[in-house]
């Protein structure tokens, strides 16, 4: 029974990480309208003051993008708190 529980936990964590990567890619595309990392790096300085309203909170677009990228990286590399 313990292995089934651990397998389900690993499955859920990996799916959350996949969704985080997808959301971060979509946010980056919506910001610069291109999937090129060079375009993103060259244009990111112009979008520092962009904010988005999520559930009544004003969040920086870059902070939201960074949150999803970092959470996906933590889960994929099994950092403390997401290791199973």
C-alpha atoms as a PDB file:
ATOM      1  CA  UNK A   1       0.000   0.000   0.000  1.00  0.00           C
ATOM      2  CA  UNK A   2       2.895   2.380   0.730  1.00  0.00           C
ATOM      3  CA  UNK A   3       4.335   2.028  -2.767  1.00  0.00           C
ATOM      4  CA  UNK A   4       1.008   2.886  -4.364  1.00  0.00           C
ATOM      5  CA  UNK A   5       0.766   6.014  -2.239  1.00  0.00           C
ATOM      6  CA  UNK A   6       4.334   7.054  -3.147  1.00  0.00           C
ATOM      7  CA  UNK A   7       3.705   6.416  -6.850  1.00  0.00           C
ATOM      8  CA  UNK A   8       0.571   8.556  -6.797  1.00  0.00           C
ATOM      9  CA  UNK A   9       2.429  11.318  -4.981  1.00  0.00           C
ATOM     10  CA  UNK A  10       5.222  11.240  -7.575  1.00  0.00           C
ATOM     11  CA  UNK A  11       2.651  11.319 -10.379  1.00  0.00           C
ATOM     12  CA  UNK A  12       0.883  14.352  -8.920  1.00  0.00           C
ATOM     13  CA  UNK A  13       4.148  16.230  -8.348  1.00  0.00           C
ATOM     14  CA  UNK A  14       5.325  15.537 -11.898  1.00  0.00           C
ATOM     15  CA  UNK A  15       2.018  16.677 -13.400  1.00  0.00           C
ATOM     16  CA  UNK A  16       2.147  19.896 -11.368  1.00  0.00           C
ATOM     17  CA  UNK A  17       5.678  20.461 -12.650  1.00  0.00           C
ATOM     18  CA  UNK A  18       4.579  19.846 -16.245  1.00  0.00           C
ATOM     19  CA  UNK A  19       1.737  22.326 -15.881  1.00  0.00           C
ATOM     20  CA  UNK A  20       4.125  24.877 -14.339  1.00  0.00           C
ATOM     21  CA  UNK A  21       6.460  24.570 -17.319  1.00  0.00           C
ATOM     22  CA  UNK A  22       3.536  24.939 -19.726  1.00  0.00           C
ATOM     23  CA  UNK A  23       2.219  28.036 -17.924  1.00  0.00           C
ATOM     24  CA  UNK A  24       5.670  29.634 -17.844  1.00  0.00           C
ATOM     25  CA  UNK A  25       6.138  29.002 -21.577  1.00  0.00           C
ATOM     26  CA  UNK A  26       2.726  30.497 -22.316  1.00  0.00           C
ATOM     27  CA  UNK A  27       3.420  33.548 -20.141  1.00  0.00           C
ATOM     28  CA  UNK A  28       6.762  34.094 -21.863  1.00  0.00           C
ATOM     29  CA  UNK A  29       5.117  33.797 -25.283  1.00  0.00           C
ATOM     30  CA  UNK A  30       2.323  36.188 -24.348  1.00  0.00           C
ATOM     31  CA  UNK A  31       4.912  38.685 -23.170  1.00  0.00           C
ATOM     32  CA  UNK A  32       7.187  38.811 -26.247  1.00  0.00           C
ATOM     33  CA  UNK A  33       5.105  36.953 -28.902  1.00  0.00           C
ATOM     34  CA  UNK A  34       8.010  34.649 -29.734  1.00  0.00           C
ATOM     35  CA  UNK A  35       9.407  31.362 -28.424  1.00  0.00           C
ATOM     36  CA  UNK A  36      13.030  32.384 -29.022  1.00  0.00           C
ATOM     37  CA  UNK A  37      15.057  32.682 -25.822  1.00  0.00           C
ATOM     38  CA  UNK A  38      17.254  35.338 -27.466  1.00  0.00           C
ATOM     39  CA  UNK A  39      14.219  37.522 -28.183  1.00  0.00           C
ATOM     40  CA  UNK A  40      12.999  37.014 -24.635  1.00  0.00           C
ATOM     41  CA  UNK A  41      16.388  37.971 -23.145  1.00  0.00           C
ATOM     42  CA  UNK A  42      16.663  41.063 -25.337  1.00  0.00           C
ATOM     43  CA  UNK A  43      13.135  42.339 -24.648  1.00  0.00           C
ATOM     44  CA  UNK A  44      12.674  41.434 -20.980  1.00  0.00           C
ATOM     45  CA  UNK A  45      13.986  44.810 -19.814  1.00  0.00           C
ATOM     46  CA  UNK A  46      11.012  46.564 -21.424  1.00  0.00           C
ATOM     47  CA  UNK A  47       8.441  44.512 -19.485  1.00  0.00           C
ATOM     48  CA  UNK A  48       9.671  44.949 -15.913  1.00  0.00           C
ATOM     49  CA  UNK A  49       6.773  47.215 -14.924  1.00  0.00           C
ATOM     50  CA  UNK A  50       3.979  45.018 -16.340  1.00  0.00           C
ATOM     51  CA  UNK A  51       1.478  43.819 -13.762  1.00  0.00           C
ATOM     52  CA  UNK A  52      -1.320  41.277 -13.944  1.00  0.00           C
ATOM     53  CA  UNK A  53      -4.372  41.000 -11.707  1.00  0.00           C
ATOM     54  CA  UNK A  54      -4.896  37.496 -10.283  1.00  0.00           C
ATOM     55  CA  UNK A  55      -7.768  36.961  -7.837  1.00  0.00           C
ATOM     56  CA  UNK A  56      -7.713  40.611  -6.844  1.00  0.00           C
ATOM     57  CA  UNK A  57      -3.943  40.742  -6.307  1.00  0.00           C
ATOM     58  CA  UNK A  58      -1.598  42.820  -8.449  1.00  0.00           C
ATOM     59  CA  UNK A  59       1.369  40.622  -9.384  1.00  0.00           C
ATOM     60  CA  UNK A  60       4.382  41.500 -11.453  1.00  0.00           C
ATOM     61  CA  UNK A  61       4.350  39.576 -14.725  1.00  0.00           C
ATOM     62  CA  UNK A  62       8.034  38.708 -14.329  1.00  0.00           C
ATOM     63  CA  UNK A  63       7.523  37.493 -10.750  1.00  0.00           C
ATOM     64  CA  UNK A  64       4.653  35.266 -11.839  1.00  0.00           C
ATOM     65  CA  UNK A  65       6.714  33.828 -14.671  1.00  0.00           C
ATOM     66  CA  UNK A  66       9.665  33.299 -12.322  1.00  0.00           C
ATOM     67  CA  UNK A  67       7.474  31.575  -9.734  1.00  0.00           C
ATOM     68  CA  UNK A  68       6.289  28.971 -12.227  1.00  0.00           C
ATOM     69  CA  UNK A  69       9.790  28.381 -13.618  1.00  0.00           C
ATOM     70  CA  UNK A  70      11.354  28.030 -10.179  1.00  0.00           C
ATOM     71  CA  UNK A  71       8.592  25.755  -8.867  1.00  0.00           C
ATOM     72  CA  UNK A  72       8.988  23.497 -11.913  1.00  0.00           C
ATOM     73  CA  UNK A  73      12.760  23.409 -11.426  1.00  0.00           C
ATOM     74  CA  UNK A  74      12.406  22.559  -7.726  1.00  0.00           C
ATOM     75  CA  UNK A  75      10.033  19.697  -8.425  1.00  0.00           C
ATOM     76  CA  UNK A  76      11.981  18.290 -11.383  1.00  0.00           C
ATOM     77  CA  UNK A  77      15.260  18.322  -9.444  1.00  0.00           C
ATOM     78  CA  UNK A  78      13.660  17.026  -6.215  1.00  0.00           C
ATOM     79  CA  UNK A  79      14.753  19.893  -3.971  1.00  0.00           C
ATOM     80  CA  UNK A  80      13.870  19.939  -0.288  1.00  0.00           C
ATOM     81  CA  UNK A  81      10.131  20.031   0.193  1.00  0.00           C
ATOM     82  CA  UNK A  82       9.397  18.347  -3.117  1.00  0.00           C
ATOM     83  CA  UNK A  83      11.572  15.259  -2.713  1.00  0.00           C
ATOM     84  CA  UNK A  84       9.649  12.015  -2.426  1.00  0.00           C
END
